Amino acid sequence: MILGRVTGTVVSTVQHEFYQGRKQLIVRALLPDGSFDGDKYVIAVDQVGAGVGQTVLVKDEGNSARQLLDLDKNAPVRSVIIGIVDAVEES
């Protein structure tokens, strides 16, 4: 899983039918202290109504993402936003 911040949206007029009606967001990876983890990012399907600027939890593994979305094993998806994070605490 990836802790990240939504930094933008993806808009395309021509796309695979799977993405019709699904919001895609650009998520940059974060360190637990809230700073960006280099230039690491993913484009993830939003399942929770996240928006730009929010901290989110992303499942970034194709098979698990397809299972979460209850999709065929050949669906073209790798990353899914599965939660909006309210706070991060390190022990």
N, C-alpha and C. Protein backbone atom coordinates (compact mmCIF):
# COMPACT_ATOMS: atom_id res chain seq x y z
N MET A 1 0.84 -1.18 0.00
CA MET A 1 0.00 0.00 0.00
C MET A 1 0.88 1.24 0.00
N ILE A 2 0.30 2.32 -0.48
CA ILE A 2 1.01 3.59 -0.56
C ILE A 2 0.23 4.65 0.19
N LEU A 3 0.93 5.42 1.00
CA LEU A 3 0.38 6.62 1.59
C LEU A 3 0.69 7.73 0.61
N GLY A 4 -0.29 8.51 0.21
CA GLY A 4 -0.02 9.53 -0.80
C GLY A 4 -0.93 10.73 -0.70
N ARG A 5 -0.61 11.73 -1.52
CA ARG A 5 -1.44 12.94 -1.60
C ARG A 5 -1.90 13.10 -3.04
N VAL A 6 -3.19 13.36 -3.20
CA VAL A 6 -3.75 13.57 -4.53
C VAL A 6 -3.27 14.93 -5.03
N THR A 7 -2.61 14.91 -6.19
CA THR A 7 -2.05 16.15 -6.74
C THR A 7 -2.70 16.57 -8.05
N GLY A 8 -3.56 15.74 -8.60
CA GLY A 8 -4.20 16.12 -9.85
C GLY A 8 -5.17 15.06 -10.34
N THR A 9 -5.81 15.37 -11.46
CA THR A 9 -6.76 14.45 -12.07
C THR A 9 -6.30 14.11 -13.48
N VAL A 10 -6.81 13.00 -13.99
CA VAL A 10 -6.51 12.59 -15.36
C VAL A 10 -7.81 12.67 -16.15
N VAL A 11 -7.76 13.36 -17.28
CA VAL A 11 -8.93 13.48 -18.15
C VAL A 11 -8.53 12.99 -19.53
N SER A 12 -9.32 12.07 -20.09
CA SER A 12 -9.03 11.58 -21.44
C SER A 12 -10.33 11.35 -22.19
N THR A 13 -10.33 11.70 -23.45
CA THR A 13 -11.53 11.51 -24.26
C THR A 13 -11.57 10.14 -24.92
N VAL A 14 -10.40 9.56 -25.14
CA VAL A 14 -10.32 8.21 -25.69
C VAL A 14 -9.66 7.33 -24.64
N GLN A 15 -10.38 6.28 -24.22
CA GLN A 15 -9.87 5.44 -23.15
C GLN A 15 -10.46 4.04 -23.24
N HIS A 16 -9.86 3.10 -22.53
CA HIS A 16 -10.38 1.74 -22.45
C HIS A 16 -11.76 1.81 -21.80
N GLU A 17 -12.67 0.95 -22.24
CA GLU A 17 -14.05 0.97 -21.73
C GLU A 17 -14.12 0.82 -20.21
N PHE A 18 -13.15 0.15 -19.60
CA PHE A 18 -13.14 -0.01 -18.15
C PHE A 18 -13.17 1.35 -17.44
N TYR A 19 -12.50 2.34 -18.01
CA TYR A 19 -12.37 3.65 -17.36
C TYR A 19 -13.55 4.58 -17.59
N GLN A 20 -14.51 4.19 -18.41
CA GLN A 20 -15.70 5.02 -18.63
C GLN A 20 -16.42 5.25 -17.31
N GLY A 21 -16.60 6.51 -16.94
CA GLY A 21 -17.31 6.85 -15.72
C GLY A 21 -16.52 6.68 -14.43
N ARG A 22 -15.24 6.37 -14.53
CA ARG A 22 -14.41 6.21 -13.34
C ARG A 22 -13.42 7.37 -13.25
N LYS A 23 -13.32 7.95 -12.06
CA LYS A 23 -12.40 9.06 -11.84
C LYS A 23 -11.00 8.52 -11.59
N GLN A 24 -10.03 9.10 -12.30
CA GLN A 24 -8.62 8.72 -12.14
C GLN A 24 -7.87 9.91 -11.56
N LEU A 25 -7.07 9.65 -10.53
CA LEU A 25 -6.35 10.71 -9.85
C LEU A 25 -4.85 10.42 -9.83
N ILE A 26 -4.06 11.49 -9.86
CA ILE A 26 -2.62 11.39 -9.72
C ILE A 26 -2.31 11.47 -8.23
N VAL A 27 -1.59 10.47 -7.72
CA VAL A 27 -1.27 10.41 -6.30
C VAL A 27 0.24 10.32 -6.14
N ARG A 28 0.82 11.31 -5.45
CA ARG A 28 2.27 11.28 -5.15
C ARG A 28 2.48 10.62 -3.80
N ALA A 29 3.47 9.73 -3.75
CA ALA A 29 3.79 9.00 -2.52
C ALA A 29 4.29 9.96 -1.43
N LEU A 30 3.89 9.66 -0.19
CA LEU A 30 4.31 10.45 0.97
C LEU A 30 5.09 9.60 1.95
N LEU A 31 5.96 10.25 2.68
CA LEU A 31 6.60 9.65 3.84
C LEU A 31 5.67 9.87 5.03
N PRO A 32 5.81 9.13 6.12
CA PRO A 32 4.92 9.30 7.27
C PRO A 32 4.88 10.72 7.82
N ASP A 33 5.97 11.50 7.63
CA ASP A 33 5.98 12.88 8.15
C ASP A 33 5.22 13.85 7.24
N GLY A 34 4.69 13.36 6.13
CA GLY A 34 3.90 14.21 5.23
C GLY A 34 4.67 14.79 4.07
N SER A 35 5.98 14.58 4.01
CA SER A 35 6.77 15.08 2.89
C SER A 35 6.71 14.09 1.73
N PHE A 36 6.88 14.60 0.51
CA PHE A 36 6.83 13.73 -0.66
C PHE A 36 8.02 12.78 -0.68
N ASP A 37 7.79 11.56 -1.12
CA ASP A 37 8.82 10.53 -1.22
C ASP A 37 9.43 10.58 -2.62
N GLY A 38 10.30 11.56 -2.83
CA GLY A 38 10.92 11.74 -4.14
C GLY A 38 9.89 12.07 -5.21
N ASP A 39 10.06 11.49 -6.38
CA ASP A 39 9.15 11.74 -7.50
C ASP A 39 8.18 10.59 -7.72
N LYS A 40 8.02 9.70 -6.75
CA LYS A 40 7.15 8.54 -6.91
C LYS A 40 5.68 8.96 -6.98
N TYR A 41 4.98 8.42 -7.99
CA TYR A 41 3.55 8.68 -8.11
C TYR A 41 2.86 7.51 -8.81
N VAL A 42 1.54 7.46 -8.67
CA VAL A 42 0.72 6.48 -9.39
C VAL A 42 -0.52 7.21 -9.89
N ILE A 43 -1.14 6.62 -10.88
CA ILE A 43 -2.46 7.06 -11.32
C ILE A 43 -3.42 6.00 -10.83
N ALA A 44 -4.37 6.40 -9.99
CA ALA A 44 -5.23 5.44 -9.32
C ALA A 44 -6.70 5.73 -9.59
N VAL A 45 -7.50 4.67 -9.63
CA VAL A 45 -8.95 4.79 -9.74
C VAL A 45 -9.48 5.16 -8.36
N ASP A 46 -10.32 6.19 -8.32
CA ASP A 46 -10.87 6.66 -7.04
C ASP A 46 -12.14 5.89 -6.70
N GLN A 47 -12.15 5.26 -5.53
CA GLN A 47 -13.33 4.53 -5.07
C GLN A 47 -13.98 5.18 -3.86
N VAL A 48 -13.40 6.28 -3.37
CA VAL A 48 -13.89 6.85 -2.11
C VAL A 48 -14.28 8.32 -2.19
N GLY A 49 -14.19 8.92 -3.36
CA GLY A 49 -14.56 10.33 -3.49
C GLY A 49 -13.46 11.28 -3.04
N ALA A 50 -12.22 10.90 -3.24
CA ALA A 50 -11.09 11.75 -2.84
C ALA A 50 -10.95 12.93 -3.79
N GLY A 51 -10.28 13.97 -3.32
CA GLY A 51 -10.06 15.15 -4.13
C GLY A 51 -8.63 15.65 -4.01
N VAL A 52 -8.28 16.59 -4.86
CA VAL A 52 -6.94 17.16 -4.88
C VAL A 52 -6.61 17.74 -3.50
N GLY A 53 -5.40 17.42 -3.03
CA GLY A 53 -4.93 17.91 -1.74
C GLY A 53 -5.15 16.95 -0.59
N GLN A 54 -5.97 15.93 -0.79
CA GLN A 54 -6.25 14.99 0.30
C GLN A 54 -5.18 13.91 0.39
N THR A 55 -4.95 13.45 1.62
CA THR A 55 -4.05 12.34 1.86
C THR A 55 -4.87 11.06 1.76
N VAL A 56 -4.36 10.09 1.01
CA VAL A 56 -5.12 8.88 0.73
C VAL A 56 -4.27 7.63 0.92
N LEU A 57 -4.94 6.49 0.98
CA LEU A 57 -4.31 5.19 1.01
C LEU A 57 -4.60 4.53 -0.33
N VAL A 58 -3.55 4.04 -0.99
CA VAL A 58 -3.68 3.44 -2.31
C VAL A 58 -3.22 1.99 -2.28
N LYS A 59 -4.03 1.12 -2.81
CA LYS A 59 -3.62 -0.28 -3.03
C LYS A 59 -3.00 -0.30 -4.41
N ASP A 60 -1.71 -0.59 -4.47
CA ASP A 60 -0.97 -0.52 -5.73
C ASP A 60 -0.44 -1.90 -6.11
N GLU A 61 -1.35 -2.79 -6.45
CA GLU A 61 -0.98 -4.13 -6.89
C GLU A 61 -2.15 -4.64 -7.70
N GLY A 62 -1.92 -4.94 -8.95
CA GLY A 62 -2.98 -5.25 -9.90
C GLY A 62 -4.01 -6.27 -9.46
N ASN A 63 -3.58 -7.45 -9.00
CA ASN A 63 -4.53 -8.49 -8.65
C ASN A 63 -5.42 -8.05 -7.49
N SER A 64 -4.83 -7.46 -6.47
CA SER A 64 -5.63 -6.99 -5.32
C SER A 64 -6.59 -5.88 -5.74
N ALA A 65 -6.12 -4.98 -6.61
CA ALA A 65 -6.98 -3.90 -7.09
C ALA A 65 -8.19 -4.47 -7.83
N ARG A 66 -7.96 -5.44 -8.68
CA ARG A 66 -9.07 -6.05 -9.41
C ARG A 66 -10.04 -6.75 -8.46
N GLN A 67 -9.51 -7.40 -7.43
CA GLN A 67 -10.39 -8.05 -6.46
C GLN A 67 -11.22 -7.03 -5.70
N LEU A 68 -10.61 -5.91 -5.31
CA LEU A 68 -11.35 -4.87 -4.59
C LEU A 68 -12.48 -4.30 -5.44
N LEU A 69 -12.25 -4.21 -6.75
CA LEU A 69 -13.26 -3.67 -7.66
C LEU A 69 -14.18 -4.75 -8.20
N ASP A 70 -13.94 -6.02 -7.79
CA ASP A 70 -14.73 -7.16 -8.23
C ASP A 70 -14.75 -7.26 -9.76
N LEU A 71 -13.52 -7.27 -10.34
CA LEU A 71 -13.37 -7.26 -11.79
C LEU A 71 -12.76 -8.55 -12.31
N ASP A 72 -12.88 -8.73 -13.61
CA ASP A 72 -12.25 -9.81 -14.35
C ASP A 72 -10.73 -9.72 -14.17
N LYS A 73 -10.04 -10.84 -14.19
CA LYS A 73 -8.60 -10.86 -13.99
C LYS A 73 -7.83 -10.14 -15.09
N ASN A 74 -8.46 -9.83 -16.20
CA ASN A 74 -7.80 -9.13 -17.30
C ASN A 74 -8.10 -7.63 -17.34
N ALA A 75 -8.83 -7.12 -16.36
CA ALA A 75 -9.16 -5.68 -16.34
C ALA A 75 -7.87 -4.87 -16.22
N PRO A 76 -7.77 -3.76 -16.96
CA PRO A 76 -6.54 -2.96 -16.98
C PRO A 76 -6.44 -1.97 -15.82
N VAL A 77 -6.30 -2.49 -14.62
CA VAL A 77 -6.19 -1.61 -13.45
C VAL A 77 -5.08 -2.13 -12.54
N ARG A 78 -4.35 -1.20 -11.95
CA ARG A 78 -3.29 -1.57 -11.03
C ARG A 78 -3.46 -0.90 -9.66
N SER A 79 -3.89 0.37 -9.65
CA SER A 79 -3.93 1.13 -8.40
C SER A 79 -5.34 1.64 -8.12
N VAL A 80 -5.75 1.51 -6.85
CA VAL A 80 -7.08 1.94 -6.42
C VAL A 80 -6.96 2.71 -5.11
N ILE A 81 -7.60 3.88 -5.04
CA ILE A 81 -7.66 4.63 -3.79
C ILE A 81 -8.71 3.97 -2.93
N ILE A 82 -8.29 3.51 -1.73
CA ILE A 82 -9.21 2.76 -0.88
C ILE A 82 -9.57 3.48 0.43
N GLY A 83 -8.96 4.63 0.67
CA GLY A 83 -9.27 5.37 1.88
C GLY A 83 -8.74 6.78 1.89
N ILE A 84 -9.44 7.66 2.61
CA ILE A 84 -8.98 9.02 2.84
C ILE A 84 -8.44 9.06 4.26
N VAL A 85 -7.20 9.51 4.42
CA VAL A 85 -6.50 9.47 5.70
C VAL A 85 -6.77 10.75 6.49
N ASP A 86 -7.19 10.58 7.74
CA ASP A 86 -7.41 11.74 8.61
C ASP A 86 -6.14 12.15 9.34
N ALA A 87 -5.34 11.18 9.77
CA ALA A 87 -4.12 11.48 10.51
C ALA A 87 -3.15 10.31 10.41
N VAL A 88 -1.85 10.63 10.53
CA VAL A 88 -0.81 9.61 10.57
C VAL A 88 -0.01 9.82 11.84
N GLU A 89 0.13 8.75 12.64
CA GLU A 89 0.90 8.83 13.88
C GLU A 89 1.97 7.76 13.84
N GLU A 90 3.20 8.13 14.14
CA GLU A 90 4.29 7.17 14.25
C GLU A 90 4.56 6.88 15.71
N SER A 91 4.86 5.63 16.01
CA SER A 91 5.15 5.25 17.40
C SER A 91 6.63 5.34 17.67
